């Protein structure tokens, strides 16, 4: 019995992605102390780490608080109504969910099973990776005020796509969710919260339980996203250290061709939203093309084959197929406008 448990622990240990990627990257950083060839990688990695560690820590803390204090019934309530306000609710909830695109997929499918409408699920999926609080802080840390422009554009795409999907659902062009359950009109989230607050007994034990709940939520979230963040910083550090500087302007410059190359690269690279942020900034740093960075960030979600596959099998084939058809043109159009804005903005400032 004990031997069996030991084997299970070893198996789970070797399957722990966070531990594996931490050991590999940590080992490489250690070797870089003695190997001059890896010195540029070390410098780039530490630079990125100093820029984002506080944002990641804050995001994990907020994620733990949300996980512990917000009941799932509330989320189901606000995403089940077939009204335009549902799309805005989905986008707002996406902002609250400090989880990457991969981590949010399980929650999205669960919400679908509870009866959330398909348009709400799509808007939630699009807004959560790029419009959430953690990414807002991280992107502003990387891009400055331009980070707000990226977030606002992500919100616009999430809202637009949600309303388009509502139209498609009305016309019978996408599947309807057969799991939808009518929520009682007299159910009030505020009243329920007040009842929970009234029944809450403040004591040392309750504070300990709350702390454990928040900690467990933060740890669970870190297991989902932290290894992606480390992987993203690792790839960005390698790119910044060893890819020739002329590669980015030549192939990923502020042109339509550069946008298409960026789109293809984002489709192939399966990196979480938090992990993609350093890569996106590296593209911007090397090329000055904000539109390409935006395209890299958004296309990594709207063309994510994991996301499309899960929608295909759990929500509906037509819903999955319509997702890239509707979102990719919006991403390319906004990316192109961003590049033009940056280009002529610099010309204006140089005069």
Foldseek 3Di string as FASTA:
>chain_A
DVVVVVVVVVVVCVVQLLNVLCVVVVVLLVVCVVDVVCVLLNVLLVVLCVLQVVLLVVLLLLQLLCQQPPDVVVVLVLQQDLDLVNLVSLLVVLQSHSAWLVVCLVVLLVSLLQHGWLLSSQLNSQRNHQQHPSNLSSQCSLPPPVSVVLNVLSNVLSSVSSVVVSVCVVVVLWDTRPNRDDDDPPDDPVVVVVVVVVPDDDDPVVVVVSVVSSVVSSVVRCSRAVSLQSVLSSVLSCCVRPPDLVVLCVQQALDLRNLVVLLVVLLPDQGILNSLSSVLSSSCVSHVQNLSSSSSNSSNRQNHPVSLVCCCPRPHNSSSVVSNVSRVVSSSVVSNVSRVCSVVVVVVVVD
